[in-house]
C-alpha atoms as a PDB file:
ATOM      1  CA  MET A   1     114.565 -69.260-174.757  1.00  0.00           C
ATOM      2  CA  THR A   2     114.292 -69.568-170.962  1.00  0.00           C
ATOM      3  CA  ILE A   3     113.725 -72.914-169.270  1.00  0.00           C
ATOM      4  CA  GLU A   4     110.143 -71.886-168.416  1.00  0.00           C
ATOM      5  CA  HIS A   5     109.269 -71.936-172.125  1.00  0.00           C
ATOM      6  CA  THR A   6     110.297 -75.572-172.606  1.00  0.00           C
ATOM      7  CA  LYS A   7     107.446 -77.730-173.853  1.00  0.00           C
ATOM      8  CA  ILE A   8     106.988 -80.686-171.504  1.00  0.00           C
ATOM      9  CA  ALA A   9     104.688 -83.704-171.722  1.00  0.00           C
ATOM     10  CA  PHE A  10     103.764 -86.246-169.064  1.00  0.00           C
ATOM     11  CA  ILE A  11     102.554 -89.699-169.966  1.00  0.00           C
ATOM     12  CA  GLY A  12     100.547 -90.545-166.879  1.00  0.00           C
ATOM     13  CA  GLY A  13      98.670 -88.143-164.625  1.00  0.00           C
ATOM     14  CA  GLY A  14      99.095 -89.687-161.171  1.00  0.00           C
ATOM     15  CA  ASN A  15     100.386 -88.238-157.904  1.00  0.00           C
ATOM     16  CA  MET A  16     104.015 -87.803-158.967  1.00  0.00           C
ATOM     17  CA  ALA A  17     103.163 -86.195-162.285  1.00  0.00           C
ATOM     18  CA  GLN A  18     100.763 -83.843-160.514  1.00  0.00           C
ATOM     19  CA  ALA A  19     103.373 -82.956-157.880  1.00  0.00           C
ATOM     20  CA  ILE A  20     105.879 -81.961-160.569  1.00  0.00           C
ATOM     21  CA  LEU A  21     103.184 -80.112-162.521  1.00  0.00           C
ATOM     22  CA  THR A  22     102.258 -78.140-159.411  1.00  0.00           C
ATOM     23  CA  GLY A  23     105.894 -77.225-158.834  1.00  0.00           C
ATOM     24  CA  LEU A  24     106.494 -76.237-162.449  1.00  0.00           C
ATOM     25  CA  LEU A  25     103.412 -74.020-162.516  1.00  0.00           C
ATOM     26  CA  ALA A  26     104.564 -72.370-159.282  1.00  0.00           C
ATOM     27  CA  ALA A  27     107.905 -71.810-161.019  1.00  0.00           C
ATOM     28  CA  LYS A  28     106.070 -69.822-163.729  1.00  0.00           C
ATOM     29  CA  PHE A  29     105.896 -72.475-166.436  1.00  0.00           C
ATOM     30  CA  SER A  30     102.911 -71.748-168.670  1.00  0.00           C
ATOM     31  CA  PRO A  31     100.060 -74.294-168.734  1.00  0.00           C
ATOM     32  CA  GLU A  32     100.079 -73.843-172.519  1.00  0.00           C
ATOM     33  CA  ASN A  33     103.518 -75.490-172.632  1.00  0.00           C
ATOM     34  CA  LEU A  34     102.471 -78.508-170.566  1.00  0.00           C
ATOM     35  CA  LEU A  35     100.654 -81.636-171.761  1.00  0.00           C
ATOM     36  CA  VAL A  36      99.417 -84.676-169.847  1.00  0.00           C
ATOM     37  CA  CYS A  37      98.461 -87.890-171.639  1.00  0.00           C
ATOM     38  CA  ALA A  38      96.086 -90.085-169.644  1.00  0.00           C
ATOM     39  CA  PRO A  39      93.660 -92.809-170.776  1.00  0.00           C
ATOM     40  CA  SER A  40      90.897 -91.939-168.309  1.00  0.00           C
ATOM     41  CA  ASN A  41      88.460 -89.213-169.304  1.00  0.00           C
ATOM     42  CA  THR A  42      87.811 -88.526-165.612  1.00  0.00           C
ATOM     43  CA  THR A  43      91.533 -88.021-164.992  1.00  0.00           C
ATOM     44  CA  ARG A  44      91.859 -85.687-167.962  1.00  0.00           C
ATOM     45  CA  GLU A  45      88.889 -83.604-166.817  1.00  0.00           C
ATOM     46  CA  LYS A  46      90.364 -83.294-163.314  1.00  0.00           C
ATOM     47  CA  LEU A  47      93.754 -82.273-164.712  1.00  0.00           C
ATOM     48  CA  THR A  48      92.187 -79.645-166.945  1.00  0.00           C
ATOM     49  CA  GLU A  49      90.154 -78.259-164.062  1.00  0.00           C
ATOM     50  CA  LYS A  50      93.040 -78.292-161.583  1.00  0.00           C
ATOM     51  CA  PHE A  51      95.939 -77.154-163.771  1.00  0.00           C
ATOM     52  CA  GLN A  52      94.450 -75.764-167.014  1.00  0.00           C
ATOM     53  CA  VAL A  53      97.080 -77.765-168.926  1.00  0.00           C
ATOM     54  CA  ASN A  54      96.695 -79.511-172.272  1.00  0.00           C
ATOM     55  CA  VAL A  55      95.477 -83.107-172.085  1.00  0.00           C
ATOM     56  CA  SER A  56      95.266 -86.026-174.497  1.00  0.00           C
ATOM     57  CA  ASP A  57      94.123 -89.630-174.525  1.00  0.00           C
ATOM     58  CA  ASN A  58      96.835 -90.517-177.048  1.00  0.00           C
ATOM     59  CA  ASN A  59     100.408 -91.063-175.837  1.00  0.00           C
ATOM     60  CA  ALA A  60     101.735 -90.309-179.316  1.00  0.00           C
ATOM     61  CA  SER A  61     100.633 -86.707-178.769  1.00  0.00           C
ATOM     62  CA  ALA A  62     103.621 -86.284-176.467  1.00  0.00           C
ATOM     63  CA  ALA A  63     106.051 -86.840-179.343  1.00  0.00           C
ATOM     64  CA  ASN A  64     104.404 -84.166-181.457  1.00  0.00           C
ATOM     65  CA  PHE A  65     103.987 -81.635-178.638  1.00  0.00           C
ATOM     66  CA  ALA A  66     107.012 -81.713-176.356  1.00  0.00           C
ATOM     67  CA  GLU A  67     110.763 -81.355-176.220  1.00  0.00           C
ATOM     68  CA  VAL A  68     110.902 -83.258-172.921  1.00  0.00           C
ATOM     69  CA  ILE A  69     108.714 -86.282-172.144  1.00  0.00           C
ATOM     70  CA  PHE A  70     108.251 -87.634-168.619  1.00  0.00           C
ATOM     71  CA  LEU A  71     107.167 -91.265-168.375  1.00  0.00           C
ATOM     72  CA  ALA A  72     105.079 -91.068-165.192  1.00  0.00           C
ATOM     73  CA  VAL A  73     103.504 -94.517-165.214  1.00  0.00           C
ATOM     74  CA  LYS A  74     103.953 -97.595-163.045  1.00  0.00           C
ATOM     75  CA  PRO A  75     107.008 -99.762-163.757  1.00  0.00           C
ATOM     76  CA  ASN A  76     104.911-102.571-165.245  1.00  0.00           C
ATOM     77  CA  MET A  77     103.549-100.122-167.835  1.00  0.00           C
ATOM     78  CA  ILE A  78     106.863 -98.651-168.971  1.00  0.00           C
ATOM     79  CA  ALA A  79     107.592-101.189-171.720  1.00  0.00           C
ATOM     80  CA  THR A  80     104.168-100.752-173.333  1.00  0.00           C
ATOM     81  CA  VAL A  81     104.150 -96.957-173.079  1.00  0.00           C
ATOM     82  CA  ALA A  82     107.745 -96.600-174.276  1.00  0.00           C
ATOM     83  CA  ASP A  83     107.040 -98.865-177.247  1.00  0.00           C
ATOM     84  CA  GLU A  84     104.054 -96.706-178.255  1.00  0.00           C
ATOM     85  CA  LEU A  85     106.170 -93.594-177.827  1.00  0.00           C
ATOM     86  CA  SER A  86     109.033 -95.042-179.849  1.00  0.00           C
ATOM     87  CA  LEU A  87     106.795 -95.535-182.885  1.00  0.00           C
ATOM     88  CA  ALA A  88     105.609 -91.944-182.620  1.00  0.00           C
ATOM     89  CA  LEU A  89     109.171 -90.650-182.224  1.00  0.00           C
ATOM     90  CA  GLN A  90     110.327 -92.517-185.314  1.00  0.00           C
ATOM     91  CA  SER A  91     107.442 -91.038-187.278  1.00  0.00           C
ATOM     92  CA  ASN A  92     108.092 -87.571-185.857  1.00  0.00           C
ATOM     93  CA  GLY A  93     111.818 -87.681-186.564  1.00  0.00           C
ATOM     94  CA  ASP A  94     112.821 -85.143-183.870  1.00  0.00           C
ATOM     95  CA  ASP A  95     115.082 -85.902-180.924  1.00  0.00           C
ATOM     96  CA  LYS A  96     113.310 -85.785-177.576  1.00  0.00           C
ATOM     97  CA  LEU A  97     114.595 -86.042-174.035  1.00  0.00           C
ATOM     98  CA  ILE A  98     112.840 -88.904-172.249  1.00  0.00           C
ATOM     99  CA  ILE A  99     112.828 -88.947-168.443  1.00  0.00           C
ATOM    100  CA  SER A 100     111.418 -92.022-166.705  1.00  0.00           C
ATOM    101  CA  LEU A 101     109.989 -91.735-163.188  1.00  0.00           C
ATOM    102  CA  ALA A 102     109.441 -95.500-162.841  1.00  0.00           C
ATOM    103  CA  ALA A 103     111.315 -97.114-159.961  1.00  0.00           C
ATOM    104  CA  GLY A 104     113.510-100.052-160.890  1.00  0.00           C
ATOM    105  CA  VAL A 105     113.644 -99.319-164.634  1.00  0.00           C
ATOM    106  CA  THR A 106     117.232 -98.795-165.795  1.00  0.00           C
ATOM    107  CA  THR A 107     118.455 -96.473-168.518  1.00  0.00           C
ATOM    108  CA  GLU A 108     119.604 -99.512-170.507  1.00  0.00           C
ATOM    109  CA  GLN A 109     116.095-100.964-170.351  1.00  0.00           C
ATOM    110  CA  LEU A 110     114.623 -97.618-171.372  1.00  0.00           C
ATOM    111  CA  GLN A 111     116.925 -97.354-174.357  1.00  0.00           C
ATOM    112  CA  GLY A 112     115.826-100.812-175.416  1.00  0.00           C
ATOM    113  CA  TYR A 113     112.172 -99.882-175.102  1.00  0.00           C
ATOM    114  CA  VAL A 114     112.604 -96.722-177.180  1.00  0.00           C
ATOM    115  CA  ARG A 115     114.805 -98.521-179.705  1.00  0.00           C
ATOM    116  CA  GLY A 116     118.193 -97.085-178.864  1.00  0.00           C
ATOM    117  CA  ASN A 117     117.248 -93.462-178.207  1.00  0.00           C
ATOM    118  CA  SER A 118     120.288 -92.036-176.393  1.00  0.00           C
ATOM    119  CA  SER A 119     118.439 -89.114-174.802  1.00  0.00           C
ATOM    120  CA  VAL A 120     117.218 -91.142-171.842  1.00  0.00           C
ATOM    121  CA  ILE A 121     117.365 -90.361-168.123  1.00  0.00           C
ATOM    122  CA  ALA A 122     116.043 -92.300-165.126  1.00  0.00           C
ATOM    123  CA  ALA A 123     114.753 -90.069-162.332  1.00  0.00           C
ATOM    124  CA  MET A 124     113.325 -90.533-158.856  1.00  0.00           C
ATOM    125  CA  PRO A 125     111.599 -87.367-157.605  1.00  0.00           C
ATOM    126  CA  ASN A 126     109.557 -87.079-154.425  1.00  0.00           C
ATOM    127  CA  LEU A 127     106.247 -85.537-153.464  1.00  0.00           C
ATOM    128  CA  PRO A 128     107.584 -82.233-152.003  1.00  0.00           C
ATOM    129  CA  SER A 129     108.313 -81.269-155.624  1.00  0.00           C
ATOM    130  CA  ALA A 130     104.761 -79.888-155.451  1.00  0.00           C
ATOM    131  CA  VAL A 131     105.977 -77.130-153.102  1.00  0.00           C
ATOM    132  CA  ARG A 132     109.323 -76.768-154.911  1.00  0.00           C
ATOM    133  CA  GLN A 133     111.128 -78.499-152.039  1.00  0.00           C
ATOM    134  CA  GLY A 134     111.611 -81.822-153.777  1.00  0.00           C
ATOM    135  CA  LEU A 135     114.653 -84.015-154.197  1.00  0.00           C
ATOM    136  CA  THR A 136     115.184 -85.806-157.490  1.00  0.00           C
ATOM    137  CA  GLY A 137     117.827 -88.456-158.005  1.00  0.00           C
ATOM    138  CA  LEU A 138     118.938 -88.864-161.612  1.00  0.00           C
ATOM    139  CA  VAL A 139     121.008 -91.213-163.762  1.00  0.00           C
ATOM    140  CA  ALA A 140     121.743 -90.451-167.406  1.00  0.00           C
ATOM    141  CA  ALA A 141     122.256 -93.055-170.098  1.00  0.00           C
ATOM    142  CA  LYS A 142     125.964 -93.432-170.901  1.00  0.00           C
ATOM    143  CA  ASP A 143     125.701 -91.643-174.236  1.00  0.00           C
ATOM    144  CA  CYS A 144     123.209 -88.983-173.132  1.00  0.00           C
ATOM    145  CA  SER A 145     124.435 -85.568-174.232  1.00  0.00           C
ATOM    146  CA  VAL A 146     125.684 -82.863-171.902  1.00  0.00           C
ATOM    147  CA  ASP A 147     122.934 -80.561-173.189  1.00  0.00           C
ATOM    148  CA  ASP A 148     120.226 -83.097-172.332  1.00  0.00           C
ATOM    149  CA  ILE A 149     121.654 -83.619-168.857  1.00  0.00           C
ATOM    150  CA  LYS A 150     121.678 -79.860-168.284  1.00  0.00           C
ATOM    151  CA  LEU A 151     118.107 -79.547-169.578  1.00  0.00           C
ATOM    152  CA  ALA A 152     116.846 -82.243-167.205  1.00  0.00           C
ATOM    153  CA  ASP A 153     118.723 -80.664-164.306  1.00  0.00           C
ATOM    154  CA  ASP A 154     117.427 -77.174-165.074  1.00  0.00           C
ATOM    155  CA  ILE A 155     113.813 -78.400-165.202  1.00  0.00           C
ATOM    156  CA  LEU A 156     113.921 -80.478-162.044  1.00  0.00           C
ATOM    157  CA  ARG A 157     115.832 -77.831-160.089  1.00  0.00           C
ATOM    158  CA  CYS A 158     112.745 -75.684-160.608  1.00  0.00           C
ATOM    159  CA  VAL A 159     110.931 -78.014-158.191  1.00  0.00           C
ATOM    160  CA  GLY A 160     113.734 -78.678-155.688  1.00  0.00           C
ATOM    161  CA  LYS A 161     117.251 -80.065-155.551  1.00  0.00           C
ATOM    162  CA  THR A 162     118.860 -82.716-157.728  1.00  0.00           C
ATOM    163  CA  ILE A 163     121.397 -85.462-157.077  1.00  0.00           C
ATOM    164  CA  TRP A 164     123.143 -87.095-160.044  1.00  0.00           C
ATOM    165  CA  LEU A 165     124.324 -90.624-159.398  1.00  0.00           C
ATOM    166  CA  ASP A 166     127.441 -92.057-161.037  1.00  0.00           C
ATOM    167  CA  ASP A 167     126.231 -95.609-160.476  1.00  0.00           C
ATOM    168  CA  GLU A 168     122.710 -96.710-161.351  1.00  0.00           C
ATOM    169  CA  ASN A 169     122.910 -99.401-158.659  1.00  0.00           C
ATOM    170  CA  LYS A 170     122.678 -96.596-156.090  1.00  0.00           C
ATOM    171  CA  MET A 171     119.167 -95.650-157.210  1.00  0.00           C
ATOM    172  CA  PRO A 172     117.378 -98.023-154.768  1.00  0.00           C
ATOM    173  CA  ALA A 173     119.267 -96.355-151.913  1.00  0.00           C
ATOM    174  CA  LEU A 174     118.058 -92.971-153.110  1.00  0.00           C
ATOM    175  CA  VAL A 175     114.502 -94.294-153.376  1.00  0.00           C
ATOM    176  CA  ALA A 176     114.706 -95.333-149.718  1.00  0.00           C
ATOM    177  CA  THR A 177     116.379 -92.107-148.578  1.00  0.00           C
ATOM    178  CA  ALA A 178     114.414 -89.569-150.619  1.00  0.00           C
ATOM    179  CA  GLY A 179     111.706 -91.000-152.871  1.00  0.00           C
ATOM    180  CA  SER A 180     109.834 -92.814-150.098  1.00  0.00           C
ATOM    181  CA  SER A 181     111.043 -90.798-147.120  1.00  0.00           C
ATOM    182  CA  PRO A 182     108.403 -88.027-147.051  1.00  0.00           C
ATOM    183  CA  ALA A 183     105.984 -90.739-145.920  1.00  0.00           C
ATOM    184  CA  TYR A 184     108.333 -91.556-143.014  1.00  0.00           C
ATOM    185  CA  PHE A 185     108.162 -87.961-141.813  1.00  0.00           C
ATOM    186  CA  PHE A 186     104.390 -87.879-142.247  1.00  0.00           C
ATOM    187  CA  LEU A 187     104.100 -91.088-140.205  1.00  0.00           C
ATOM    188  CA  PHE A 188     106.296 -89.671-137.440  1.00  0.00           C
ATOM    189  CA  LEU A 189     104.201 -86.490-137.375  1.00  0.00           C
ATOM    190  CA  GLU A 190     101.027 -88.567-137.278  1.00  0.00           C
ATOM    191  CA  ALA A 191     102.340 -90.479-134.239  1.00  0.00           C
ATOM    192  CA  MET A 192     103.418 -87.256-132.503  1.00  0.00           C
ATOM    193  CA  ILE A 193     100.020 -85.669-133.075  1.00  0.00           C
ATOM    194  CA  GLU A 194      98.219 -88.728-131.684  1.00  0.00           C
ATOM    195  CA  SER A 195     100.439 -88.668-128.592  1.00  0.00           C
ATOM    196  CA  GLY A 196      99.908 -84.937-128.132  1.00  0.00           C
ATOM    197  CA  VAL A 197      96.154 -85.495-128.113  1.00  0.00           C
ATOM    198  CA  GLN A 198      96.528 -88.316-125.592  1.00  0.00           C
ATOM    199  CA  LEU A 199      98.521 -85.918-123.390  1.00  0.00           C
ATOM    200  CA  GLY A 200      95.660 -83.410-123.411  1.00  0.00           C
ATOM    201  CA  LEU A 201      96.117 -81.107-126.415  1.00  0.00           C
ATOM    202  CA  THR A 202      93.396 -80.607-128.983  1.00  0.00           C
ATOM    203  CA  HIS A 203      94.086 -82.181-132.362  1.00  0.00           C
ATOM    204  CA  GLN A 204      94.666 -78.729-133.872  1.00  0.00           C
ATOM    205  CA  GLN A 205      97.071 -77.745-131.105  1.00  0.00           C
ATOM    206  CA  ALA A 206      99.008 -81.006-131.413  1.00  0.00           C
ATOM    207  CA  GLU A 207      99.152 -80.753-135.207  1.00  0.00           C
ATOM    208  CA  THR A 208     100.359 -77.152-135.124  1.00  0.00           C
ATOM    209  CA  ALA A 209     103.006 -77.944-132.502  1.00  0.00           C
ATOM    210  CA  ALA A 210     104.329 -81.037-134.269  1.00  0.00           C
ATOM    211  CA  VAL A 211     104.294 -79.680-137.832  1.00  0.00           C
ATOM    212  CA  GLN A 212     105.839 -76.318-136.931  1.00  0.00           C
ATOM    213  CA  SER A 213     108.525 -77.975-134.820  1.00  0.00           C
ATOM    214  CA  GLY A 214     109.317 -80.373-137.652  1.00  0.00           C
ATOM    215  CA  LEU A 215     109.467 -77.505-140.129  1.00  0.00           C
ATOM    216  CA  GLY A 216     111.754 -75.563-137.837  1.00  0.00           C
ATOM    217  CA  ALA A 217     114.057 -78.509-137.187  1.00  0.00           C
ATOM    218  CA  LEU A 218     114.395 -79.383-140.866  1.00  0.00           C
ATOM    219  CA  THR A 219     114.990 -75.743-141.789  1.00  0.00           C
ATOM    220  CA  MET A 220     117.771 -75.562-139.205  1.00  0.00           C
ATOM    221  CA  ALA A 221     119.273 -78.807-140.509  1.00  0.00           C
ATOM    222  CA  SER A 222     119.273 -77.459-144.071  1.00  0.00           C
ATOM    223  CA  ARG A 223     120.814 -74.101-143.157  1.00  0.00           C
ATOM    224  CA  SER A 224     123.116 -74.756-140.219  1.00  0.00           C
ATOM    225  CA  GLU A 225     126.834 -75.432-140.489  1.00  0.00           C
ATOM    226  CA  LEU A 226     126.383 -77.861-137.597  1.00  0.00           C
ATOM    227  CA  SER A 227     125.736 -81.545-138.211  1.00  0.00           C
ATOM    228  CA  VAL A 228     122.381 -83.049-137.276  1.00  0.00           C
ATOM    229  CA  ILE A 229     124.150 -84.790-134.393  1.00  0.00           C
ATOM    230  CA  GLU A 230     125.361 -81.436-133.051  1.00  0.00           C
ATOM    231  CA  LEU A 231     121.936 -79.872-133.486  1.00  0.00           C
ATOM    232  CA  LYS A 232     120.368 -82.763-131.598  1.00  0.00           C
ATOM    233  CA  GLU A 233     122.824 -82.189-128.761  1.00  0.00           C
ATOM    234  CA  GLN A 234     121.866 -78.491-128.597  1.00  0.00           C
ATOM    235  CA  VAL A 235     118.260 -79.488-127.843  1.00  0.00           C
ATOM    236  CA  THR A 236     119.223 -82.131-125.287  1.00  0.00           C
ATOM    237  CA  SER A 237     120.006 -81.177-121.686  1.00  0.00           C
ATOM    238  CA  PRO A 238     121.481 -83.897-119.466  1.00  0.00           C
ATOM    239  CA  ASN A 239     118.721 -85.672-117.546  1.00  0.00           C
ATOM    240  CA  GLY A 240     116.126 -83.350-119.092  1.00  0.00           C
ATOM    241  CA  THR A 241     112.867 -84.055-120.891  1.00  0.00           C
ATOM    242  CA  THR A 242     114.481 -84.458-124.315  1.00  0.00           C
ATOM    243  CA  GLN A 243     117.022 -86.934-122.940  1.00  0.00           C
ATOM    244  CA  GLN A 244     114.193 -88.996-121.494  1.00  0.00           C
ATOM    245  CA  ALA A 245     112.503 -89.131-124.902  1.00  0.00           C
ATOM    246  CA  LEU A 246     115.745 -90.017-126.707  1.00  0.00           C
ATOM    247  CA  ASP A 247     116.502 -92.755-124.168  1.00  0.00           C
ATOM    248  CA  SER A 248     113.041 -94.191-124.812  1.00  0.00           C
ATOM    249  CA  PHE A 249     113.671 -94.138-128.579  1.00  0.00           C
ATOM    250  CA  ALA A 250     116.988 -95.929-128.004  1.00  0.00           C
ATOM    251  CA  SER A 251     115.397 -98.621-125.842  1.00  0.00           C
ATOM    252  CA  SER A 252     112.837 -99.176-128.598  1.00  0.00           C
ATOM    253  CA  GLN A 253     115.711 -99.523-131.091  1.00  0.00           C
ATOM    254  CA  LEU A 254     114.487 -96.679-133.302  1.00  0.00           C
ATOM    255  CA  ARG A 255     117.642 -96.712-135.437  1.00  0.00           C
ATOM    256  CA  ALA A 256     117.166-100.403-136.210  1.00  0.00           C
ATOM    257  CA  VAL A 257     113.504 -99.821-137.054  1.00  0.00           C
ATOM    258  CA  VAL A 258     114.424 -97.015-139.472  1.00  0.00           C
ATOM    259  CA  ASN A 259     117.196 -99.095-141.049  1.00  0.00           C
ATOM    260  CA  ASP A 260     114.899-102.094-141.528  1.00  0.00           C
ATOM    261  CA  ALA A 261     112.271 -99.890-143.186  1.00  0.00           C
ATOM    262  CA  MET A 262     114.758 -98.262-145.562  1.00  0.00           C
ATOM    263  CA  GLN A 263     116.284-101.627-146.455  1.00  0.00           C
ATOM    264  CA  ALA A 264     112.790-102.890-147.291  1.00  0.00           C
ATOM    265  CA  ALA A 265     112.124 -99.884-149.546  1.00  0.00           C
ATOM    266  CA  ALA A 266     115.472-100.305-151.295  1.00  0.00           C
ATOM    267  CA  ARG A 267     114.888-104.026-151.873  1.00  0.00           C
ATOM    268  CA  LYS A 268     111.508-103.282-153.442  1.00  0.00           C
ATOM    269  CA  ALA A 269     113.020-100.595-155.687  1.00  0.00           C
ATOM    270  CA  ALA A 270     115.710-103.006-156.844  1.00  0.00           C
ATOM    271  CA  ASN A 271     113.258-105.810-157.603  1.00  0.00           C
ATOM    272  CA  TYR A 272     110.326-104.211-159.420  1.00  0.00           C
END
């Protein structure tokens, strides 16, 4: 059986679940093999209309339907949802791989919530998973099997790249560097577009210029053998326009601003 035929359930139908769903469907997973459990009838109707996937108002349905279950709810809901799921798993009797997307919830906590189930992985994906350009950080429970680790990796590599951490204490750093970071880029683009308009471009012209330049720069960074420092130097002529902009960033202490923001994100992730 190929990875695309794996039956997958999501408990929770919010932005992150929908991003992964979008990426999986683009990777040729069948809607028939995907289930989303959500309490809101409105949410279920939207999911059915948007993705044509199976939906349910009962979290226990995930245990009966899927081989892999994503817990895509807020951290304060994990204990309740995992407890409900644990009862269903005990009744079902089959082993399932459980992947939590909740920031700040450790694999040890998850195992406690699902009453010792060893097939538990903590994951932190990001929104570009929707276009199969995501980054997911993962930590497996100590006694998680090699087969389960491979299954999780195979699924999430369908929507981007994966990084496996050897120390769960590094997860907040990954949240700050990857999980939250698409918003940093969107904010920077937003500021560039606003400045382009102030300088005389139309909004469409400024948006096209900023987005395409960002896309080009990030593509170069991902493909080039040069470091990002070396690529930056290639763009920068002494005393030229780029140098003036970089000097302005330096005088505004951009690096310190970025560091403060990432530290704040990491602290939040560590203290949910």
